[in-house]
Amino acid sequence: MKPARSLCICVDDYGLHEGINQAAIDLAQMGRVHAISCMSGGPAWGAHAQRLAPMVARGVDVGLHLDFTEILPSQAQRWPLGQLIRSSYLGQLDRAAIRAEIAKQFDAFEQAFGAAPAYVDGHQHVHQLPGIRQELLAELAQRYANKRPWLRSTRSRGLAWSQWRAGWPSVIKPLGIELLGCRALAGLAKAQGHAQNQHLLGVYDFTGGAQRYAQLLAQWLASAESGDVLMCHPSGASTASDALLKARQAEFGLLASDQLPQMLSQYAVELRAISQTAQ
């Protein structure tokens, strides 16, 4: 029998609204996810942070989902994603303001959760952008000299032509995200002693509903290597204004169903936190 590969399924956007929070808790209790990324500026964060404490005992990593494009503790640094990318690569970011916003998000996380994050990643992958990644690593060095959180790598599986039938985004988008700063962040992380996951799976354009998500999930599981992260964005029922709600609910429906353990068995994948496997 083929030996199992370890994979961490990670729920992004905890704290954005209650539907996401409940989906994350439900999936963690079912043993389906082993990382939860938290938006410490989100409207559903502070009052719901302590719901995650029992999940840690279940082997779930609880991390900070660094945000500069959605909902921040201070709205002063909120950017449209395209503008943020351009400004970061043109060297136009106010690095002192970036550092201050990073510190506020760590403060908000620690005050509500009562502990440091097990890892750090970025909403829309902003943690790897030039100007942000340097200030993030400096903040981490100041706060967590004795216990380094792991950092999400956006390293892709390359040009996955086998996924062509799933559409261009499944082929090109993962590589595009990687090119925005994966290698540079990896160099900083290694120099400073932060572990990282091997690859990032789960990138798609949030279209196609449950049927397409099932097809993509099968491809991700088939290609997974030990130490990979598969990010997801599930939600249960919600009255929140959320452009991705239908896609989120499709993801949750599959991840909470009997189909997932069947697929894990079929592709010889076991679920485990990155804190146990990161390199």
Protein backbone atom coordinates (compact mmCIF):
# COMPACT_ATOMS: atom_id res chain seq x y z
CA MET A 1 0.00 0.00 0.00
CA LYS A 2 1.25 3.47 -0.89
CA PRO A 3 2.48 5.33 2.24
CA ALA A 4 0.33 8.26 3.27
CA ARG A 5 1.48 11.82 2.59
CA SER A 6 0.79 14.45 5.25
CA LEU A 7 -1.26 17.49 4.28
CA CYS A 8 -2.55 20.44 6.28
CA ILE A 9 -5.94 21.83 5.28
CA CYS A 10 -6.13 25.46 6.39
CA VAL A 11 -9.26 27.60 6.75
CA ASP A 12 -8.62 31.24 5.83
CA ASP A 13 -10.53 34.36 6.94
CA TYR A 14 -11.65 33.39 10.47
CA GLY A 15 -13.04 36.56 12.02
CA LEU A 16 -14.51 37.98 8.82
CA HIS A 17 -18.03 36.75 9.64
CA GLU A 18 -19.82 34.16 11.75
CA GLY A 19 -20.49 31.78 8.87
CA ILE A 20 -16.75 31.35 8.34
CA ASN A 21 -16.09 31.04 12.06
CA GLN A 22 -18.68 28.30 12.50
CA ALA A 23 -17.45 26.39 9.45
CA ALA A 24 -13.88 26.50 10.77
CA ILE A 25 -14.93 25.25 14.22
CA ASP A 26 -17.11 22.49 12.75
CA LEU A 27 -14.35 21.26 10.43
CA ALA A 28 -11.73 21.38 13.19
CA GLN A 29 -13.96 19.35 15.48
CA MET A 30 -14.39 16.80 12.70
CA GLY A 31 -10.61 16.55 12.26
CA ARG A 32 -10.85 17.91 8.72
CA VAL A 33 -8.67 21.03 9.16
CA HIS A 34 -5.47 21.55 11.14
CA ALA A 35 -4.87 25.27 10.67
CA ILE A 36 -7.13 28.31 11.03
CA SER A 37 -5.96 31.72 9.79
CA CYS A 38 -7.45 34.65 11.70
CA MET A 39 -8.18 38.21 10.61
CA SER A 40 -7.60 40.10 13.86
CA GLY A 41 -9.28 43.19 12.44
CA GLY A 42 -12.40 41.32 11.42
CA PRO A 43 -15.80 42.16 12.93
CA ALA A 44 -16.24 38.55 14.07
CA TRP A 45 -12.79 38.15 15.62
CA GLY A 46 -12.58 39.52 19.17
CA ALA A 47 -15.73 37.94 20.60
CA HIS A 48 -15.00 34.65 18.86
CA ALA A 49 -11.26 34.25 19.42
CA GLN A 50 -11.58 32.06 22.51
CA ARG A 51 -13.70 29.54 20.58
CA LEU A 52 -10.42 28.48 19.00
CA ALA A 53 -8.63 27.63 22.26
CA PRO A 54 -10.07 24.08 22.48
CA MET A 55 -9.06 23.51 18.87
CA VAL A 56 -5.38 23.81 19.79
CA ALA A 57 -5.77 20.74 21.99
CA ARG A 58 -7.07 18.94 18.91
CA GLY A 59 -3.81 19.63 17.08
CA VAL A 60 -4.95 22.72 15.17
CA ASP A 61 -2.51 25.55 14.47
CA VAL A 62 -4.12 28.97 14.98
CA GLY A 63 -2.41 31.71 13.00
CA LEU A 64 -2.54 35.37 12.00
CA HIS A 65 -3.96 36.14 8.55
CA LEU A 66 -2.11 39.41 7.91
CA ASP A 67 -4.41 41.82 6.11
CA PHE A 68 -3.86 45.03 4.18
CA THR A 69 -6.79 44.81 1.75
CA GLU A 70 -9.95 43.87 3.69
CA ILE A 71 -10.72 44.93 7.29
CA LEU A 72 -7.91 46.29 9.44
CA PRO A 73 -7.72 47.36 13.09
CA SER A 74 -6.68 50.71 11.62
CA GLN A 75 -8.35 51.59 8.33
CA ALA A 76 -5.49 53.95 7.51
CA GLN A 77 -3.49 51.25 5.69
CA ARG A 78 -6.29 49.53 3.75
CA TRP A 79 -5.33 49.15 0.08
CA PRO A 80 -6.96 47.81 -3.08
CA LEU A 81 -4.88 44.72 -3.88
CA GLY A 82 -3.65 45.92 -7.28
CA GLN A 83 -2.53 49.25 -5.85
CA LEU A 84 -0.79 47.53 -2.95
CA ILE A 85 1.15 45.25 -5.30
CA ARG A 86 2.20 48.16 -7.53
CA SER A 87 3.23 50.34 -4.61
CA SER A 88 5.19 47.54 -2.99
CA TYR A 89 7.18 46.82 -6.13
CA LEU A 90 7.77 50.51 -6.83
CA GLY A 91 9.11 51.01 -3.32
CA GLN A 92 6.35 53.48 -2.48
CA LEU A 93 5.08 51.92 0.75
CA ASP A 94 5.46 53.87 3.97
CA ARG A 95 7.47 51.24 5.79
CA ALA A 96 6.94 52.80 9.22
CA ALA A 97 3.16 52.77 8.71
CA ILE A 98 3.33 49.18 7.41
CA ARG A 99 5.25 48.11 10.50
CA ALA A 100 2.79 49.90 12.78
CA GLU A 101 -0.17 48.15 11.13
CA ILE A 102 1.54 44.76 11.41
CA ALA A 103 2.14 45.40 15.13
CA LYS A 104 -1.54 46.35 15.63
CA GLN A 105 -2.70 43.11 14.05
CA PHE A 106 -0.38 41.05 16.23
CA ASP A 107 -1.54 42.99 19.30
CA ALA A 108 -5.20 42.39 18.41
CA PHE A 109 -4.53 38.68 17.89
CA GLU A 110 -2.64 38.22 21.15
CA GLN A 111 -5.08 40.27 23.25
CA ALA A 112 -8.12 38.30 22.06
CA PHE A 113 -6.59 34.82 21.76
CA GLY A 114 -4.25 35.07 24.71
CA ALA A 115 -1.23 33.58 22.93
CA ALA A 116 1.10 34.14 20.02
CA PRO A 117 0.09 32.82 16.60
CA ALA A 118 1.44 29.43 15.61
CA TYR A 119 2.06 30.78 12.11
CA VAL A 120 1.58 33.80 9.88
CA ASP A 121 0.21 34.03 6.37
CA GLY A 122 -1.46 36.80 4.39
CA HIS A 123 -4.94 37.64 3.18
CA GLN A 124 -4.52 37.63 -0.61
CA HIS A 125 -0.90 36.58 0.11
CA VAL A 126 0.22 40.11 1.04
CA HIS A 127 2.71 38.83 3.62
CA GLN A 128 5.24 38.07 0.87
CA LEU A 129 5.20 41.46 -0.90
CA PRO A 130 8.35 43.62 -0.85
CA GLY A 131 8.24 46.16 1.93
CA ILE A 132 5.73 44.08 3.85
CA ARG A 133 7.78 40.90 4.15
CA GLN A 134 10.80 42.76 5.58
CA GLU A 135 8.70 44.57 8.17
CA LEU A 136 6.88 41.35 9.04
CA LEU A 137 10.14 39.49 9.65
CA ALA A 138 11.47 42.38 11.73
CA GLU A 139 8.32 42.35 13.87
CA LEU A 140 8.55 38.58 14.30
CA ALA A 141 12.18 38.83 15.38
CA GLN A 142 11.27 41.40 18.00
CA ARG A 143 8.24 39.54 19.36
CA TYR A 144 9.11 35.88 19.08
CA ALA A 145 12.84 35.43 19.48
CA ASN A 146 12.45 32.18 21.40
CA LYS A 147 9.67 30.49 19.43
CA ARG A 148 9.39 31.25 15.74
CA PRO A 149 5.96 30.93 14.08
CA TRP A 150 6.01 29.10 10.78
CA LEU A 151 5.33 31.17 7.67
CA ARG A 152 3.09 30.19 4.78
CA SER A 153 4.98 29.64 1.56
CA THR A 154 3.11 30.24 -1.70
CA ARG A 155 5.38 27.89 -3.61
CA SER A 156 3.25 26.29 -6.32
CA ARG A 157 3.45 22.91 -7.99
CA GLY A 158 4.52 24.69 -11.19
CA LEU A 159 2.62 24.83 -14.46
CA ALA A 160 0.13 22.04 -13.88
CA TRP A 161 -0.90 21.32 -17.45
CA SER A 162 -2.80 18.28 -16.22
CA GLN A 163 -5.28 20.77 -14.76
CA TRP A 164 -5.89 22.46 -18.11
CA ARG A 165 -9.48 21.23 -18.28
CA ALA A 166 -10.18 22.99 -14.98
CA GLY A 167 -9.46 26.32 -16.69
CA TRP A 168 -6.62 28.82 -16.96
CA PRO A 169 -6.80 29.99 -13.32
CA SER A 170 -5.96 26.48 -12.13
CA VAL A 171 -2.83 26.52 -14.28
CA ILE A 172 -1.58 30.11 -14.15
CA LYS A 173 -2.92 31.69 -10.96
CA PRO A 174 -0.87 29.55 -8.51
CA LEU A 175 2.35 30.40 -10.36
CA GLY A 176 1.43 34.09 -10.48
CA ILE A 177 0.92 34.17 -6.72
CA GLU A 178 4.27 32.45 -6.18
CA LEU A 179 6.08 34.99 -8.35
CA LEU A 180 4.88 37.86 -6.17
CA GLY A 181 7.46 37.10 -3.49
CA CYS A 182 7.68 33.43 -2.51
CA ARG A 183 11.43 33.03 -3.09
CA ALA A 184 12.39 36.27 -1.36
CA LEU A 185 10.24 35.44 1.68
CA ALA A 186 11.76 31.95 1.82
CA GLY A 187 15.25 33.43 2.00
CA LEU A 188 14.31 35.72 4.87
CA ALA A 189 12.45 32.94 6.66
CA LYS A 190 15.39 30.56 6.43
CA ALA A 191 17.87 33.17 7.62
CA GLN A 192 15.70 33.94 10.63
CA GLY A 193 14.82 30.34 11.51
CA HIS A 194 11.16 30.18 10.47
CA ALA A 195 9.84 26.91 9.10
CA GLN A 196 7.58 26.87 6.06
CA ASN A 197 5.21 24.52 4.31
CA GLN A 198 6.39 22.84 1.11
CA HIS A 199 3.75 23.95 -1.41
CA LEU A 200 0.48 25.86 -1.42
CA LEU A 201 -2.55 24.10 -2.89
CA GLY A 202 -6.14 25.27 -3.12
CA VAL A 203 -5.74 28.21 -5.51
CA TYR A 204 -8.63 28.70 -7.93
CA ASP A 205 -11.05 31.40 -9.08
CA PHE A 206 -14.01 30.46 -6.80
CA THR A 207 -16.25 29.55 -9.73
CA GLY A 208 -17.91 26.30 -10.80
CA GLY A 209 -19.73 25.37 -7.62
CA ALA A 210 -19.51 22.10 -5.74
CA GLN A 211 -18.87 19.91 -8.78
CA ARG A 212 -15.81 21.86 -9.92
CA TYR A 213 -14.47 22.16 -6.39
CA ALA A 214 -14.66 18.39 -6.03
CA GLN A 215 -12.69 17.98 -9.26
CA LEU A 216 -10.06 20.45 -8.12
CA LEU A 217 -9.80 18.89 -4.68
CA ALA A 218 -9.15 15.50 -6.27
CA GLN A 219 -6.33 17.02 -8.33
CA TRP A 220 -4.81 18.75 -5.31
CA LEU A 221 -4.90 15.58 -3.23
CA ALA A 222 -3.40 13.54 -6.06
CA SER A 223 -0.47 15.97 -6.40
CA ALA A 224 0.11 16.73 -2.71
CA GLU A 225 3.48 16.17 -1.07
CA SER A 226 4.11 15.80 2.63
CA GLY A 227 4.24 19.21 4.28
CA ASP A 228 1.93 20.95 1.81
CA VAL A 229 -0.85 23.34 2.82
CA LEU A 230 -4.22 23.23 1.10
CA MET A 231 -5.95 26.53 1.83
CA CYS A 232 -9.75 26.70 1.80
CA HIS A 233 -12.40 29.35 2.38
CA PRO A 234 -15.49 27.59 3.74
CA SER A 235 -18.57 29.12 5.32
CA GLY A 236 -21.82 27.92 6.73
CA ALA A 237 -25.03 29.90 6.62
CA SER A 238 -24.48 33.64 6.89
CA THR A 239 -26.30 36.92 6.40
CA ALA A 240 -23.01 38.74 5.80
CA SER A 241 -22.35 40.61 2.59
CA ASP A 242 -19.76 38.29 1.05
CA ALA A 243 -19.14 38.02 -2.68
CA LEU A 244 -17.61 34.56 -2.17
CA LEU A 245 -20.40 33.14 -0.01
CA LYS A 246 -21.74 30.63 -2.57
CA ALA A 247 -18.24 29.33 -3.27
CA ARG A 248 -17.50 29.18 0.44
CA GLN A 249 -20.63 27.16 1.10
CA ALA A 250 -19.78 24.77 -1.74
CA GLU A 251 -16.36 24.22 -0.19
CA PHE A 252 -17.84 23.63 3.24
CA GLY A 253 -20.38 21.16 1.88
CA LEU A 254 -17.64 18.97 0.45
CA LEU A 255 -15.12 19.33 3.28
CA ALA A 256 -17.76 18.38 5.86
CA SER A 257 -19.14 15.47 3.84
CA ASP A 258 -18.33 11.76 3.80
CA GLN A 259 -16.66 12.35 0.43
CA LEU A 260 -13.55 13.92 1.95
CA PRO A 261 -12.38 10.90 4.01
CA GLN A 262 -13.06 8.71 0.99
CA MET A 263 -10.85 10.95 -1.16
CA LEU A 264 -8.13 11.05 1.49
CA SER A 265 -8.07 7.26 1.54
CA GLN A 266 -8.12 7.03 -2.24
CA TYR A 267 -5.11 9.35 -2.61
CA ALA A 268 -3.23 8.10 0.48
CA VAL A 269 -3.25 11.46 2.27
CA GLU A 270 -3.38 12.00 6.02
CA LEU A 271 -4.17 15.32 7.66
CA ARG A 272 -1.73 16.92 10.07
CA ALA A 273 -0.71 20.37 11.30
CA ILE A 274 2.24 22.05 9.61
CA SER A 275 3.79 22.69 13.02
CA GLN A 276 4.46 18.92 13.03
CA THR A 277 5.85 18.71 9.50
CA ALA A 278 7.20 22.11 8.27
CA GLN A 279 10.73 22.31 6.97
